Amino acid sequence: MARTCLIAREEKRHRLYEKYRKQREELKANGDYEELQKLPRDSSVTRLKNRCMFTGRARSYYRKFGVSRLVFREMALRGEIPGVKKSSW
């Protein structure tokens, strides 16, 4: 489980991104980079990090399922992900 402060920080970045998204797009389209630099850093899309929805883990994240590899494995073994099963040969 990730520290709760890291999860909260990521949620804050996501809120800032949503708040300034339109303004950022307009400034980029107009080429006004001086005003763009005055916006908060955390409102940039490149500052966002994908995290597992259950554990908050940032590494080895599967975008298609929204979880980390560890949670994905447990869910697959329990049969909670349709169409996914453990392979054996």
N, C-alpha and C. Protein backbone atom coordinates (compact mmCIF):
# COMPACT_ATOMS: atom_id res chain seq x y z
N MET A 1 0.84 -1.18 0.00
CA MET A 1 0.00 0.00 0.00
C MET A 1 0.89 1.24 0.00
N ALA A 2 0.60 2.16 -0.89
CA ALA A 2 1.37 3.39 -0.97
C ALA A 2 1.02 4.30 0.20
N ARG A 3 1.92 5.18 0.52
CA ARG A 3 1.64 6.15 1.59
C ARG A 3 0.46 7.01 1.17
N THR A 4 -0.37 7.34 2.12
CA THR A 4 -1.58 8.10 1.81
C THR A 4 -1.26 9.51 1.33
N CYS A 5 -0.12 10.06 1.76
CA CYS A 5 0.24 11.40 1.31
C CYS A 5 0.54 11.40 -0.19
N LEU A 6 1.12 10.31 -0.71
CA LEU A 6 1.40 10.24 -2.15
C LEU A 6 0.11 10.14 -2.95
N ILE A 7 -0.84 9.39 -2.43
CA ILE A 7 -2.14 9.26 -3.11
C ILE A 7 -2.86 10.60 -3.09
N ALA A 8 -2.83 11.29 -1.96
CA ALA A 8 -3.48 12.60 -1.84
C ALA A 8 -2.83 13.62 -2.75
N ARG A 9 -1.51 13.58 -2.86
CA ARG A 9 -0.79 14.51 -3.74
C ARG A 9 -1.20 14.30 -5.19
N GLU A 10 -1.36 13.03 -5.57
CA GLU A 10 -1.76 12.72 -6.95
C GLU A 10 -3.18 13.18 -7.21
N GLU A 11 -4.07 13.05 -6.23
CA GLU A 11 -5.44 13.53 -6.39
C GLU A 11 -5.47 15.04 -6.54
N LYS A 12 -4.62 15.73 -5.79
CA LYS A 12 -4.53 17.18 -5.88
C LYS A 12 -4.05 17.60 -7.27
N ARG A 13 -3.07 16.89 -7.80
CA ARG A 13 -2.58 17.19 -9.15
C ARG A 13 -3.67 16.98 -10.19
N HIS A 14 -4.45 15.93 -9.99
CA HIS A 14 -5.52 15.65 -10.94
C HIS A 14 -6.59 16.74 -10.90
N ARG A 15 -6.92 17.22 -9.71
CA ARG A 15 -7.89 18.32 -9.59
C ARG A 15 -7.36 19.59 -10.26
N LEU A 16 -6.08 19.92 -10.04
CA LEU A 16 -5.49 21.10 -10.66
C LEU A 16 -5.46 20.97 -12.18
N TYR A 17 -5.16 19.77 -12.67
CA TYR A 17 -5.15 19.55 -14.11
C TYR A 17 -6.53 19.81 -14.70
N GLU A 18 -7.57 19.29 -14.06
CA GLU A 18 -8.93 19.49 -14.56
C GLU A 18 -9.33 20.96 -14.50
N LYS A 19 -8.89 21.66 -13.47
CA LYS A 19 -9.25 23.07 -13.29
C LYS A 19 -8.64 23.96 -14.37
N TYR A 20 -7.38 23.71 -14.73
CA TYR A 20 -6.66 24.59 -15.66
C TYR A 20 -6.56 24.02 -17.07
N ARG A 21 -7.23 22.92 -17.37
CA ARG A 21 -7.06 22.27 -18.67
C ARG A 21 -7.45 23.17 -19.83
N LYS A 22 -8.64 23.77 -19.77
CA LYS A 22 -9.08 24.63 -20.89
C LYS A 22 -8.17 25.84 -21.05
N GLN A 23 -7.80 26.45 -19.93
CA GLN A 23 -6.95 27.62 -19.97
C GLN A 23 -5.59 27.27 -20.58
N ARG A 24 -5.06 26.12 -20.23
CA ARG A 24 -3.79 25.67 -20.80
C ARG A 24 -3.87 25.45 -22.30
N GLU A 25 -4.96 24.82 -22.74
CA GLU A 25 -5.14 24.57 -24.18
C GLU A 25 -5.22 25.88 -24.96
N GLU A 26 -5.94 26.86 -24.42
CA GLU A 26 -6.06 28.16 -25.11
C GLU A 26 -4.71 28.86 -25.19
N LEU A 27 -3.96 28.85 -24.09
CA LEU A 27 -2.66 29.52 -24.08
C LEU A 27 -1.68 28.84 -25.04
N LYS A 28 -1.73 27.52 -25.10
CA LYS A 28 -0.85 26.80 -26.03
C LYS A 28 -1.23 27.10 -27.48
N ALA A 29 -2.53 27.17 -27.76
CA ALA A 29 -2.99 27.45 -29.12
C ALA A 29 -2.57 28.86 -29.56
N ASN A 30 -2.60 29.80 -28.62
CA ASN A 30 -2.22 31.17 -28.94
C ASN A 30 -0.71 31.38 -28.93
N GLY A 31 0.03 30.43 -28.38
CA GLY A 31 1.48 30.56 -28.31
C GLY A 31 1.96 31.49 -27.22
N ASP A 32 1.12 31.73 -26.21
CA ASP A 32 1.46 32.64 -25.11
C ASP A 32 2.14 31.84 -24.00
N TYR A 33 3.42 31.59 -24.17
CA TYR A 33 4.14 30.72 -23.24
C TYR A 33 4.51 31.43 -21.94
N GLU A 34 4.57 32.75 -21.96
CA GLU A 34 4.87 33.48 -20.72
C GLU A 34 3.72 33.35 -19.72
N GLU A 35 2.50 33.43 -20.20
CA GLU A 35 1.34 33.25 -19.32
C GLU A 35 1.19 31.79 -18.91
N LEU A 36 1.59 30.90 -19.80
CA LEU A 36 1.52 29.47 -19.50
C LEU A 36 2.44 29.11 -18.34
N GLN A 37 3.59 29.78 -18.26
CA GLN A 37 4.53 29.51 -17.17
C GLN A 37 4.02 30.00 -15.83
N LYS A 38 3.08 30.92 -15.83
CA LYS A 38 2.53 31.46 -14.58
C LYS A 38 1.50 30.54 -13.94
N LEU A 39 1.02 29.56 -14.71
CA LEU A 39 0.08 28.59 -14.15
C LEU A 39 0.82 27.64 -13.21
N PRO A 40 0.10 27.00 -12.29
CA PRO A 40 0.77 26.06 -11.37
C PRO A 40 1.42 24.90 -12.11
N ARG A 41 2.56 24.46 -11.63
CA ARG A 41 3.28 23.35 -12.26
C ARG A 41 2.46 22.08 -12.24
N ASP A 42 1.78 21.84 -11.14
CA ASP A 42 1.04 20.59 -11.00
C ASP A 42 -0.20 20.53 -11.88
N SER A 43 -0.50 21.59 -12.60
CA SER A 43 -1.65 21.57 -13.50
C SER A 43 -1.28 21.03 -14.88
N SER A 44 -0.03 20.65 -15.06
CA SER A 44 0.42 20.10 -16.34
C SER A 44 0.10 18.61 -16.41
N VAL A 45 -0.22 18.14 -17.60
CA VAL A 45 -0.57 16.73 -17.78
C VAL A 45 0.64 15.83 -17.56
N THR A 46 1.84 16.33 -17.78
CA THR A 46 3.03 15.50 -17.61
C THR A 46 3.35 15.25 -16.15
N ARG A 47 2.74 15.98 -15.23
CA ARG A 47 2.98 15.76 -13.81
C ARG A 47 2.11 14.64 -13.23
N LEU A 48 1.10 14.20 -14.00
CA LEU A 48 0.21 13.15 -13.52
C LEU A 48 0.91 11.80 -13.60
N LYS A 49 0.61 10.94 -12.65
CA LYS A 49 1.18 9.60 -12.60
C LYS A 49 0.05 8.61 -12.40
N ASN A 50 0.02 7.57 -13.21
CA ASN A 50 -1.00 6.53 -13.06
C ASN A 50 -0.73 5.73 -11.80
N ARG A 51 -1.79 5.48 -11.03
CA ARG A 51 -1.66 4.71 -9.80
C ARG A 51 -2.75 3.66 -9.73
N CYS A 52 -2.44 2.56 -9.06
CA CYS A 52 -3.39 1.47 -8.86
C CYS A 52 -4.56 2.00 -8.04
N MET A 53 -5.78 1.64 -8.45
CA MET A 53 -6.96 2.16 -7.75
C MET A 53 -7.17 1.51 -6.39
N PHE A 54 -6.54 0.37 -6.14
CA PHE A 54 -6.71 -0.31 -4.86
C PHE A 54 -5.58 -0.05 -3.88
N THR A 55 -4.33 -0.10 -4.37
CA THR A 55 -3.20 0.04 -3.47
C THR A 55 -2.48 1.37 -3.60
N GLY A 56 -2.66 2.07 -4.70
CA GLY A 56 -1.96 3.33 -4.91
C GLY A 56 -0.56 3.15 -5.46
N ARG A 57 -0.21 1.93 -5.80
CA ARG A 57 1.13 1.64 -6.33
C ARG A 57 1.30 2.31 -7.69
N ALA A 58 2.46 2.96 -7.90
CA ALA A 58 2.71 3.69 -9.14
C ALA A 58 3.46 2.86 -10.17
N ARG A 59 4.22 1.89 -9.72
CA ARG A 59 5.01 1.09 -10.67
C ARG A 59 4.22 -0.12 -11.14
N SER A 60 4.57 -0.58 -12.33
CA SER A 60 3.95 -1.74 -12.98
C SER A 60 2.44 -1.63 -12.99
N TYR A 61 1.96 -0.55 -13.57
CA TYR A 61 0.54 -0.24 -13.65
C TYR A 61 -0.01 -0.68 -15.00
N TYR A 62 -1.09 -1.45 -15.00
CA TYR A 62 -1.74 -1.86 -16.25
C TYR A 62 -2.87 -0.88 -16.55
N ARG A 63 -2.68 -0.09 -17.58
CA ARG A 63 -3.63 0.96 -17.92
C ARG A 63 -5.00 0.41 -18.28
N LYS A 64 -5.03 -0.71 -18.98
CA LYS A 64 -6.29 -1.30 -19.43
C LYS A 64 -7.20 -1.68 -18.26
N PHE A 65 -6.59 -2.11 -17.17
CA PHE A 65 -7.37 -2.56 -16.02
C PHE A 65 -7.37 -1.57 -14.86
N GLY A 66 -6.43 -0.63 -14.85
CA GLY A 66 -6.38 0.38 -13.80
C GLY A 66 -5.80 -0.11 -12.49
N VAL A 67 -5.04 -1.22 -12.54
CA VAL A 67 -4.47 -1.77 -11.31
C VAL A 67 -3.01 -2.14 -11.55
N SER A 68 -2.29 -2.40 -10.45
CA SER A 68 -0.90 -2.82 -10.56
C SER A 68 -0.84 -4.31 -10.87
N ARG A 69 0.33 -4.79 -11.18
CA ARG A 69 0.50 -6.20 -11.56
C ARG A 69 0.16 -7.13 -10.40
N LEU A 70 0.42 -6.69 -9.18
CA LEU A 70 0.15 -7.54 -8.02
C LEU A 70 -1.35 -7.71 -7.80
N VAL A 71 -2.08 -6.62 -7.89
CA VAL A 71 -3.53 -6.68 -7.72
C VAL A 71 -4.15 -7.41 -8.90
N PHE A 72 -3.62 -7.17 -10.09
CA PHE A 72 -4.13 -7.85 -11.29
C PHE A 72 -4.01 -9.37 -11.13
N ARG A 73 -2.87 -9.83 -10.64
CA ARG A 73 -2.65 -11.26 -10.47
C ARG A 73 -3.64 -11.85 -9.48
N GLU A 74 -3.82 -11.18 -8.36
CA GLU A 74 -4.76 -11.68 -7.35
C GLU A 74 -6.20 -11.71 -7.89
N MET A 75 -6.59 -10.67 -8.61
CA MET A 75 -7.94 -10.62 -9.16
C MET A 75 -8.14 -11.70 -10.23
N ALA A 76 -7.11 -11.93 -11.03
CA ALA A 76 -7.20 -12.95 -12.08
C ALA A 76 -7.31 -14.33 -11.47
N LEU A 77 -6.56 -14.60 -10.42
CA LEU A 77 -6.61 -15.91 -9.78
C LEU A 77 -7.96 -16.16 -9.11
N ARG A 78 -8.59 -15.09 -8.60
CA ARG A 78 -9.90 -15.23 -7.98
C ARG A 78 -11.03 -15.26 -9.02
N GLY A 79 -10.69 -14.98 -10.28
CA GLY A 79 -11.69 -15.00 -11.35
C GLY A 79 -12.53 -13.74 -11.42
N GLU A 80 -12.01 -12.63 -10.94
CA GLU A 80 -12.75 -11.36 -10.92
C GLU A 80 -12.60 -10.56 -12.21
N ILE A 81 -11.68 -10.98 -13.08
CA ILE A 81 -11.48 -10.30 -14.35
C ILE A 81 -11.98 -11.23 -15.44
N PRO A 82 -13.06 -10.86 -16.14
CA PRO A 82 -13.61 -11.74 -17.16
C PRO A 82 -12.63 -11.96 -18.31
N GLY A 83 -12.54 -13.21 -18.75
CA GLY A 83 -11.70 -13.55 -19.90
C GLY A 83 -10.24 -13.74 -19.58
N VAL A 84 -9.84 -13.61 -18.32
CA VAL A 84 -8.44 -13.77 -17.95
C VAL A 84 -8.33 -15.00 -17.06
N LYS A 85 -7.40 -15.89 -17.42
CA LYS A 85 -7.17 -17.06 -16.57
C LYS A 85 -5.68 -17.38 -16.60
N LYS A 86 -5.24 -18.09 -15.61
CA LYS A 86 -3.83 -18.47 -15.49
C LYS A 86 -3.51 -19.49 -16.58
N SER A 87 -2.44 -19.24 -17.28
CA SER A 87 -2.07 -20.16 -18.36
C SER A 87 -1.21 -21.28 -17.81
N SER A 88 -1.32 -22.43 -18.44
CA SER A 88 -0.46 -23.56 -18.10
C SER A 88 -0.22 -24.37 -19.36
N TRP A 89 0.99 -24.91 -19.49
CA TRP A 89 1.29 -25.71 -20.66
C TRP A 89 2.22 -26.83 -20.31
